[in-house]
Amino acid sequence: MIVLETINQGLNQLRIHKLRTMLSILGILISVGSVTGIVSLGEGLRSVVTDQFVKSGGPNIIQVRSPNLWYRNQKGRWVRRDWEEYLENRDSELLRQASTHIQFVVPIIYMDREVRYHNVTAAARIRASNEHHYKIENWEIDKGRFISDADVQSASKVTVIGSELAKDLYGEENPVGKELKIASERYQVIGVLKQFKFFGGTNERHMIIPFTTAQKRIFGNERVNRFFVMADMPENVGEVTQQLRYVMRRQHEHADEFEISTGESQIEQFNRVVFILKAVAGGIAGISLLVGGIGIMNIMLVSVTERTREIGIRKAVGAKRRTILIQFLLEAIVLCLFGGGLGILFGIGLGSGLSAYIKSLTPAPFESVVTPGLMIFAVMYSAAIGLFFGVYPAYRASKLDPIEALRFE
């Protein structure tokens, strides 16, 4: 009963001073809302990227890349290596045979070229690869088909193009079966990719051709920019990676300079970046919460001064120091908890609004994510702020001498 009475008295005081109470709550509301909104955006970013990564088989993928021709020396300057080594077709079969846990190997050659249909010219992002390329990108075919193993083996002049590139070249016509030119070479369009957008990236201007065709008709060599190796299960990725390193050491003089990275390491690196961004942004918003807490302390000190005679009367008729201490502590905590609760709602709205704004600027399937853990943390942090900044005013109130308090004018 005493506790309930103490809580009721504290709430009555907050109701009496409505404007002051609302201004105190506003500071906590904005602070908690900022933390919630910013962290929810970071969590949404992490969730979307991880989900897309898993859908495209990311945990099973291992990348093998040639060394960069340029590197940073001990003085921090970029210098060109005095040797050159590249991934080539002969590596593909060796990598595929490196382990029984490998499903397939995907070679990639990147280039940007202008392509032409009659008098229409358009810029294309050409990716020369094999029949498995769409699997690692999580792409789908809208019309026609994807390149096949037969196309790769025969170095056929066939291509699959993105939807925007198809529209630029052929308008509303179905491009399947029509031709286009890269330089003077004619290629037949065999398929159109279904639109795929992800955080500013899109396949709409992509053009896929057999990697053997690119080597034979464009570059005149058997070099490959990188290989994607798909393991059968995530738990076998470590073993497969070790086998790939062993194969590369047998095949290349500077094998240790070739980069071999796993999908797991890439997502871990991404998660570290997101964590740092959330920590920095959340830390800045957390500082504003401390400022709000200082505001609570200031308001509580003013309240103690205003209610000095009331405290004196209550202590004179038998109120204990502990009762006075609890009452003022509860007032501070209630202020912060109420502000924290409203702040969570504000943060959810802020995160949703910002995610909608981001989606309007970029073709990203982006949503803010507010987890139960985040809400619990926000409420507990608010209560801790109220407790921390309410201790001194409450202690000061409980220490007032009743005789001196009754003399206060």
Protein backbone atom coordinates (compact mmCIF):
# COMPACT_ATOMS: atom_id res chain seq x y z
CA MET A 1 0.00 0.00 0.00
CA ILE A 2 2.78 2.43 0.90
CA VAL A 3 4.52 1.76 -2.42
CA LEU A 4 1.29 2.27 -4.38
CA GLU A 5 0.59 5.48 -2.49
CA THR A 6 4.10 6.72 -3.20
CA ILE A 7 3.72 5.94 -6.92
CA ASN A 8 0.33 7.69 -6.99
CA GLN A 9 1.79 10.80 -5.35
CA GLY A 10 4.61 10.87 -7.88
CA LEU A 11 2.19 10.57 -10.81
CA ASN A 12 0.00 13.31 -9.37
CA GLN A 13 2.95 15.66 -9.31
CA LEU A 14 3.65 14.91 -12.97
CA ARG A 15 0.01 15.60 -13.85
CA ILE A 16 0.02 18.90 -11.95
CA HIS A 17 3.01 20.24 -13.92
CA LYS A 18 1.87 19.12 -17.39
CA LEU A 19 3.97 21.49 -19.50
CA ARG A 20 7.16 20.79 -17.59
CA THR A 21 6.46 17.08 -17.71
CA MET A 22 5.86 17.11 -21.47
CA LEU A 23 9.03 19.09 -22.15
CA SER A 24 11.04 16.62 -20.07
CA ILE A 25 9.45 13.68 -21.88
CA LEU A 26 10.11 15.32 -25.26
CA GLY A 27 13.87 15.23 -24.75
CA ILE A 28 13.80 11.49 -23.93
CA LEU A 29 11.32 10.82 -26.74
CA ILE A 30 13.55 12.39 -29.40
CA SER A 31 16.65 10.64 -28.06
CA VAL A 32 15.12 7.16 -27.84
CA GLY A 33 13.34 7.66 -31.17
CA SER A 34 16.61 8.59 -32.87
CA VAL A 35 18.41 5.56 -31.46
CA THR A 36 15.53 3.24 -32.40
CA GLY A 37 15.15 4.65 -35.91
CA ILE A 38 18.86 4.57 -36.74
CA VAL A 39 19.47 1.09 -35.34
CA SER A 40 16.33 -0.25 -37.06
CA LEU A 41 17.66 0.98 -40.41
CA GLY A 42 20.98 -0.74 -39.79
CA GLU A 43 19.22 -3.95 -38.79
CA GLY A 44 16.99 -3.72 -41.86
CA LEU A 45 20.03 -3.29 -44.09
CA ARG A 46 21.73 -6.29 -42.49
CA SER A 47 18.58 -8.42 -42.75
CA VAL A 48 17.94 -7.65 -46.43
CA VAL A 49 21.54 -8.21 -47.50
CA THR A 50 21.82 -11.45 -45.51
CA ASP A 51 18.53 -12.75 -46.91
CA GLN A 52 19.56 -11.99 -50.48
CA PHE A 53 22.97 -13.47 -49.83
CA VAL A 54 21.46 -16.74 -48.60
CA LYS A 55 18.98 -16.92 -51.51
CA SER A 56 21.81 -16.68 -54.04
CA GLY A 57 23.76 -19.45 -52.31
CA GLY A 58 26.20 -16.99 -50.75
CA PRO A 59 27.26 -19.18 -47.78
CA ASN A 60 28.32 -21.87 -50.26
CA ILE A 61 30.26 -19.61 -52.63
CA ILE A 62 34.03 -19.22 -52.72
CA GLN A 63 35.65 -16.57 -54.91
CA VAL A 64 39.07 -16.92 -56.53
CA ARG A 65 40.57 -13.73 -57.99
CA SER A 66 43.79 -12.86 -59.78
CA PRO A 67 46.30 -10.55 -58.06
CA ASN A 68 45.91 -6.84 -58.75
CA LEU A 69 48.58 -5.50 -61.09
CA TRP A 70 49.11 -2.63 -58.65
CA TYR A 71 49.79 -2.84 -54.92
CA ARG A 72 50.57 -0.43 -52.09
CA ASN A 73 54.21 -0.53 -50.98
CA GLN A 74 55.62 0.13 -47.51
CA LYS A 75 55.66 3.88 -48.19
CA GLY A 76 51.96 3.81 -48.98
CA ARG A 77 52.43 4.40 -52.70
CA TRP A 78 50.75 2.41 -55.42
CA VAL A 79 53.32 0.66 -57.61
CA ARG A 80 53.02 -1.86 -60.43
CA ARG A 81 54.15 -5.42 -59.79
CA ASP A 82 57.20 -6.65 -61.67
CA TRP A 83 55.35 -9.87 -62.54
CA GLU A 84 51.95 -10.81 -63.91
CA GLU A 85 49.85 -13.92 -63.32
CA TYR A 86 46.24 -14.53 -64.30
CA LEU A 87 43.48 -17.03 -63.87
CA GLU A 88 42.97 -18.99 -67.07
CA ASN A 89 40.74 -21.72 -68.51
CA ARG A 90 43.16 -24.42 -67.36
CA ASP A 91 42.45 -23.37 -63.75
CA SER A 92 38.73 -24.00 -64.16
CA GLU A 93 38.97 -27.78 -64.51
CA LEU A 94 41.64 -28.05 -61.81
CA LEU A 95 39.46 -26.09 -59.38
CA ARG A 96 36.42 -28.20 -60.22
CA GLN A 97 38.38 -31.39 -59.50
CA ALA A 98 39.83 -30.02 -56.26
CA SER A 99 37.09 -31.55 -54.11
CA THR A 100 34.09 -33.86 -54.38
CA HIS A 101 32.10 -31.21 -52.48
CA ILE A 102 32.19 -28.77 -55.42
CA GLN A 103 28.96 -28.46 -57.41
CA PHE A 104 30.20 -26.21 -60.21
CA VAL A 105 32.72 -23.49 -61.10
CA VAL A 106 31.62 -20.22 -62.72
CA PRO A 107 34.21 -18.17 -64.66
CA ILE A 108 33.53 -14.43 -65.00
CA ILE A 109 35.00 -11.92 -67.45
CA TYR A 110 33.86 -8.31 -66.99
CA MET A 111 33.72 -5.62 -69.64
CA ASP A 112 31.64 -2.60 -70.64
CA ARG A 113 30.89 -2.14 -74.33
CA GLU A 114 28.54 -0.32 -76.65
CA VAL A 115 26.16 -2.61 -78.51
CA ARG A 116 24.15 -1.80 -81.61
CA TYR A 117 20.92 -2.85 -83.29
CA HIS A 118 20.44 -1.21 -86.70
CA ASN A 119 20.96 2.51 -85.97
CA VAL A 120 20.37 2.28 -82.21
CA THR A 121 23.38 2.19 -79.88
CA ALA A 122 23.30 1.46 -76.13
CA ALA A 123 25.83 0.92 -73.33
CA ALA A 124 25.94 -2.63 -71.97
CA ARG A 125 27.62 -4.22 -68.96
CA ILE A 126 28.84 -7.47 -70.48
CA ARG A 127 29.41 -10.48 -68.26
CA ALA A 128 31.02 -13.42 -70.04
CA SER A 129 30.34 -16.61 -68.11
CA ASN A 130 28.84 -20.10 -68.34
CA GLU A 131 25.46 -21.76 -67.90
CA HIS A 132 25.58 -21.53 -64.07
CA HIS A 133 26.03 -17.77 -63.83
CA TYR A 134 22.38 -16.93 -63.14
CA LYS A 135 22.39 -19.24 -60.09
CA ILE A 136 25.02 -17.27 -58.20
CA GLU A 137 23.25 -13.99 -59.01
CA ASN A 138 19.77 -15.28 -58.14
CA TRP A 139 18.50 -14.09 -61.54
CA GLU A 140 15.50 -15.40 -63.45
CA ILE A 141 14.69 -15.53 -67.16
CA ASP A 142 11.71 -13.49 -68.37
CA LYS A 143 11.76 -14.53 -72.04
CA GLY A 144 13.66 -17.22 -73.95
CA ARG A 145 16.46 -19.12 -72.21
CA PHE A 146 19.86 -18.70 -70.58
CA ILE A 147 23.14 -19.68 -72.25
CA SER A 148 23.81 -23.43 -72.20
CA ASP A 149 26.85 -25.67 -71.89
CA ALA A 150 26.62 -26.30 -75.63
CA ASP A 151 26.84 -22.54 -76.25
CA VAL A 152 29.98 -22.39 -74.09
CA GLN A 153 31.63 -25.42 -75.71
CA SER A 154 31.04 -24.09 -79.22
CA ALA A 155 31.81 -20.44 -78.34
CA SER A 156 28.47 -19.49 -79.86
CA LYS A 157 27.63 -15.87 -80.60
CA VAL A 158 24.51 -15.81 -78.43
CA THR A 159 23.49 -13.46 -75.63
CA VAL A 160 20.99 -12.91 -72.83
CA ILE A 161 20.18 -9.25 -72.15
CA GLY A 162 18.61 -7.17 -69.39
CA SER A 163 15.14 -5.64 -69.68
CA GLU A 164 16.27 -2.00 -69.95
CA LEU A 165 18.90 -2.83 -72.57
CA ALA A 166 16.24 -4.74 -74.52
CA LYS A 167 13.89 -1.76 -74.39
CA ASP A 168 16.61 0.66 -75.53
CA LEU A 169 17.49 -1.49 -78.53
CA TYR A 170 14.17 -3.02 -79.55
CA GLY A 171 11.48 -0.85 -77.99
CA GLU A 172 8.35 -2.88 -77.29
CA GLU A 173 9.33 -5.69 -79.67
CA ASN A 174 10.27 -9.13 -78.39
CA PRO A 175 14.07 -9.24 -78.75
CA VAL A 176 14.38 -13.04 -78.63
CA GLY A 177 15.64 -14.25 -82.00
CA LYS A 178 16.87 -10.83 -83.10
CA GLU A 179 20.50 -9.80 -83.54
CA LEU A 180 22.74 -7.14 -82.09
CA LYS A 181 26.38 -6.19 -82.66
CA ILE A 182 29.40 -5.91 -80.41
CA ALA A 183 31.88 -4.04 -82.58
CA SER A 184 31.49 -5.84 -85.93
CA GLU A 185 30.42 -9.23 -84.49
CA ARG A 186 26.77 -10.25 -84.68
CA TYR A 187 25.14 -11.96 -81.68
CA GLN A 188 21.72 -13.57 -81.48
CA VAL A 189 19.52 -12.70 -78.49
CA ILE A 190 18.28 -15.94 -76.93
CA GLY A 191 16.79 -14.59 -73.71
CA VAL A 192 15.80 -11.58 -71.60
CA LEU A 193 16.51 -11.37 -67.88
CA LYS A 194 13.70 -10.71 -65.44
CA GLN A 195 14.26 -7.37 -63.71
CA PHE A 196 16.37 -7.70 -60.56
CA LYS A 197 17.21 -4.72 -58.36
CA PHE A 198 19.25 -4.68 -55.22
CA PHE A 199 20.62 -1.59 -53.39
CA GLY A 200 21.35 0.51 -56.42
CA GLY A 201 22.50 -2.51 -58.43
CA THR A 202 20.43 -3.86 -61.28
CA ASN A 203 20.72 -6.39 -64.08
CA GLU A 204 18.65 -4.27 -66.48
CA ARG A 205 21.65 -3.24 -68.59
CA HIS A 206 23.54 -6.51 -68.31
CA MET A 207 24.42 -8.69 -71.25
CA ILE A 208 25.55 -12.29 -70.75
CA ILE A 209 27.60 -14.13 -73.36
CA PRO A 210 29.59 -17.41 -73.19
CA PHE A 211 33.02 -16.74 -71.68
CA THR A 212 34.65 -18.77 -74.44
CA THR A 213 33.09 -16.44 -77.00
CA ALA A 214 34.55 -13.40 -75.25
CA GLN A 215 37.98 -15.02 -75.08
CA LYS A 216 37.97 -16.05 -78.72
CA ARG A 217 36.31 -13.06 -80.41
CA ILE A 218 37.07 -10.09 -78.13
CA PHE A 219 40.24 -10.65 -76.10
CA GLY A 220 42.16 -13.30 -77.97
CA ASN A 221 43.37 -15.05 -74.80
CA GLU A 222 42.10 -17.49 -72.15
CA ARG A 223 42.26 -15.16 -69.15
CA VAL A 224 39.44 -15.02 -66.59
CA ASN A 225 38.81 -12.19 -64.09
CA ARG A 226 37.55 -14.48 -61.32
CA PHE A 227 36.00 -17.84 -60.55
CA PHE A 228 33.01 -18.49 -58.34
CA VAL A 229 33.17 -21.97 -56.81
CA MET A 230 29.91 -23.36 -55.43
CA ALA A 231 30.29 -25.89 -52.60
CA ASP A 232 27.51 -28.40 -51.93
CA MET A 233 26.94 -27.38 -48.28
CA PRO A 234 28.08 -24.45 -46.08
CA GLU A 235 29.80 -26.79 -43.64
CA ASN A 236 32.11 -28.03 -46.41
CA VAL A 237 33.26 -24.55 -47.47
CA GLY A 238 36.31 -24.60 -45.19
CA GLU A 239 37.55 -27.91 -46.56
CA VAL A 240 36.92 -26.86 -50.16
CA THR A 241 38.79 -23.58 -49.59
CA GLN A 242 41.85 -25.45 -48.34
CA GLN A 243 41.79 -27.73 -51.39
CA LEU A 244 41.51 -24.73 -53.71
CA ARG A 245 44.56 -23.10 -52.09
CA TYR A 246 46.49 -26.34 -52.55
CA VAL A 247 45.55 -26.46 -56.26
CA MET A 248 46.53 -22.81 -56.78
CA ARG A 249 49.94 -23.36 -55.14
CA ARG A 250 50.66 -26.20 -57.52
CA GLN A 251 49.52 -24.21 -60.54
CA HIS A 252 50.88 -20.68 -59.94
CA GLU A 253 54.25 -19.34 -58.86
CA HIS A 254 52.68 -16.46 -56.91
CA ALA A 255 49.69 -18.45 -55.64
CA ASP A 256 49.64 -16.71 -52.25
CA GLU A 257 48.87 -13.41 -53.99
CA PHE A 258 45.67 -14.84 -55.47
CA GLU A 259 42.68 -13.91 -53.36
CA ILE A 260 40.46 -16.77 -52.16
CA SER A 261 37.51 -15.55 -50.10
CA THR A 262 34.39 -17.28 -48.82
CA GLY A 263 30.85 -16.00 -48.75
CA GLU A 264 30.85 -16.32 -44.97
CA SER A 265 33.86 -14.03 -44.66
CA GLN A 266 32.19 -11.47 -46.90
CA ILE A 267 28.97 -11.42 -44.86
CA GLU A 268 31.01 -11.21 -41.65
CA GLN A 269 32.88 -8.23 -43.05
CA PHE A 270 29.58 -6.64 -44.06
CA ASN A 271 28.12 -7.27 -40.59
CA ARG A 272 31.17 -5.60 -39.02
CA VAL A 273 30.66 -2.53 -41.20
CA VAL A 274 26.95 -2.39 -40.32
CA PHE A 275 27.78 -2.83 -36.62
CA ILE A 276 30.25 0.05 -36.74
CA LEU A 277 27.71 2.26 -38.52
CA LYS A 278 25.01 1.38 -35.99
CA ALA A 279 27.42 1.88 -33.08
CA VAL A 280 28.55 5.30 -34.32
CA ALA A 281 25.06 6.52 -35.19
CA GLY A 282 23.57 4.98 -32.06
CA GLY A 283 26.36 6.48 -29.96
CA ILE A 284 25.63 9.95 -31.28
CA ALA A 285 21.92 9.48 -30.57
CA GLY A 286 22.84 8.03 -27.16
CA ILE A 287 24.66 11.24 -26.27
CA SER A 288 21.43 13.13 -26.91
CA LEU A 289 19.75 10.72 -24.49
CA LEU A 290 22.29 11.67 -21.84
CA VAL A 291 21.46 15.32 -22.53
CA GLY A 292 17.81 14.44 -22.02
CA GLY A 293 18.75 12.78 -18.74
CA ILE A 294 20.50 15.94 -17.60
CA GLY A 295 17.29 17.78 -18.41
CA ILE A 296 15.40 15.33 -16.19
CA MET A 297 17.85 15.98 -13.35
CA ASN A 298 17.42 19.71 -13.76
CA ILE A 299 13.62 19.42 -13.67
CA MET A 300 13.75 17.18 -10.60
CA LEU A 301 16.03 19.62 -8.77
CA VAL A 302 13.59 22.42 -9.55
CA SER A 303 10.79 20.19 -8.29
CA VAL A 304 12.64 19.54 -5.04
CA THR A 305 13.14 23.28 -4.52
CA GLU A 306 9.47 24.06 -5.25
CA ARG A 307 8.23 21.35 -2.90
CA THR A 308 10.59 22.00 0.01
CA ARG A 309 7.74 22.95 2.38
CA GLU A 310 5.71 19.92 1.28
CA ILE A 311 8.68 17.65 1.98
CA GLY A 312 9.18 19.30 5.36
CA ILE A 313 5.53 18.79 6.34
CA ARG A 314 5.58 15.16 5.23
CA LYS A 315 8.74 14.43 7.21
CA ALA A 316 7.35 16.29 10.23
CA VAL A 317 4.29 14.03 10.31
CA GLY A 318 6.39 10.89 10.07
CA ALA A 319 7.36 10.28 6.42
CA LYS A 320 10.61 8.34 6.25
CA ARG A 321 13.64 9.37 4.19
CA ARG A 322 13.25 6.18 2.17
CA THR A 323 9.68 7.11 1.21
CA ILE A 324 10.74 10.56 -0.01
CA LEU A 325 13.69 9.04 -1.88
CA ILE A 326 11.51 6.45 -3.64
CA GLN A 327 8.88 9.03 -4.59
CA PHE A 328 11.33 11.30 -6.39
CA LEU A 329 13.16 8.38 -7.97
CA LEU A 330 9.86 7.02 -9.28
CA GLU A 331 8.97 10.39 -10.76
CA ALA A 332 12.24 10.47 -12.70
CA ILE A 333 11.91 6.86 -13.83
CA VAL A 334 8.29 7.30 -14.92
CA LEU A 335 9.26 10.38 -16.93
CA CYS A 336 11.98 8.44 -18.74
CA LEU A 337 9.92 5.27 -19.24
CA PHE A 338 6.99 7.22 -20.65
CA GLY A 339 9.35 9.17 -22.90
CA GLY A 340 11.09 5.93 -23.88
CA GLY A 341 7.80 4.24 -24.82
CA LEU A 342 6.74 7.17 -26.98
CA GLY A 343 10.29 7.28 -28.37
CA ILE A 344 10.01 3.67 -29.57
CA LEU A 345 6.82 4.54 -31.46
CA PHE A 346 8.52 7.63 -32.86
CA GLY A 347 11.57 5.55 -33.84
CA ILE A 348 9.42 2.96 -35.63
CA GLY A 349 7.76 5.76 -37.60
CA LEU A 350 11.13 7.41 -38.27
CA GLY A 351 12.67 4.15 -39.50
CA SER A 352 9.67 3.40 -41.73
CA GLY A 353 9.74 6.90 -43.18
CA LEU A 354 13.46 6.82 -43.89
CA SER A 355 13.25 3.33 -45.42
CA ALA A 356 10.44 4.52 -47.71
CA TYR A 357 12.57 7.53 -48.69
CA ILE A 358 15.57 5.27 -49.42
CA LYS A 359 13.39 3.01 -51.58
CA SER A 360 12.22 6.06 -53.53
CA LEU A 361 15.84 6.91 -54.36
CA THR A 362 17.21 3.43 -55.00
CA PRO A 363 15.73 0.15 -56.27
CA ALA A 364 16.42 -1.53 -52.94
CA PRO A 365 13.98 -3.95 -51.26
CA PHE A 366 14.70 -2.12 -48.04
CA GLU A 367 12.73 -2.18 -44.77
CA SER A 368 13.55 -0.98 -41.27
CA VAL A 369 13.51 -3.77 -38.66
CA VAL A 370 12.70 -3.12 -35.00
CA THR A 371 13.52 -6.25 -33.00
CA PRO A 372 12.09 -7.07 -29.55
CA GLY A 373 15.62 -6.88 -28.21
CA LEU A 374 15.94 -3.31 -29.48
CA MET A 375 12.68 -2.28 -27.81
CA ILE A 376 13.66 -3.92 -24.51
CA PHE A 377 17.06 -2.20 -24.68
CA ALA A 378 15.43 1.20 -25.34
CA VAL A 379 13.04 0.81 -22.38
CA MET A 380 15.76 -0.44 -20.03
CA TYR A 381 18.13 2.32 -21.12
CA SER A 382 15.41 4.90 -20.49
CA ALA A 383 14.78 3.49 -17.02
CA ALA A 384 18.52 3.49 -16.30
CA ILE A 385 18.77 7.14 -17.37
CA GLY A 386 15.86 8.02 -15.09
CA LEU A 387 17.41 6.11 -12.20
CA PHE A 388 20.88 7.57 -12.73
CA PHE A 389 19.83 11.18 -13.10
CA GLY A 390 17.07 10.92 -10.50
CA VAL A 391 19.28 9.66 -7.68
CA TYR A 392 20.83 13.00 -6.71
CA PRO A 393 17.57 15.05 -6.68
CA ALA A 394 15.84 12.24 -4.75
CA TYR A 395 18.72 11.98 -2.29
CA ARG A 396 18.71 15.75 -1.82
CA ALA A 397 14.97 15.71 -1.16
CA SER A 398 15.28 12.89 1.37
CA LYS A 399 18.08 14.69 3.24
CA LEU A 400 16.10 17.89 3.82
CA ASP A 401 15.80 18.84 7.47
CA PRO A 402 12.08 19.17 8.27
CA ILE A 403 12.57 22.26 10.46
CA GLU A 404 14.63 24.04 7.81
CA ALA A 405 12.18 22.94 5.13
CA LEU A 406 9.23 24.41 7.04
CA ARG A 407 11.03 27.75 7.28
CA PHE A 408 11.50 27.82 3.48
CA GLU A 409 9.62 30.58 1.72
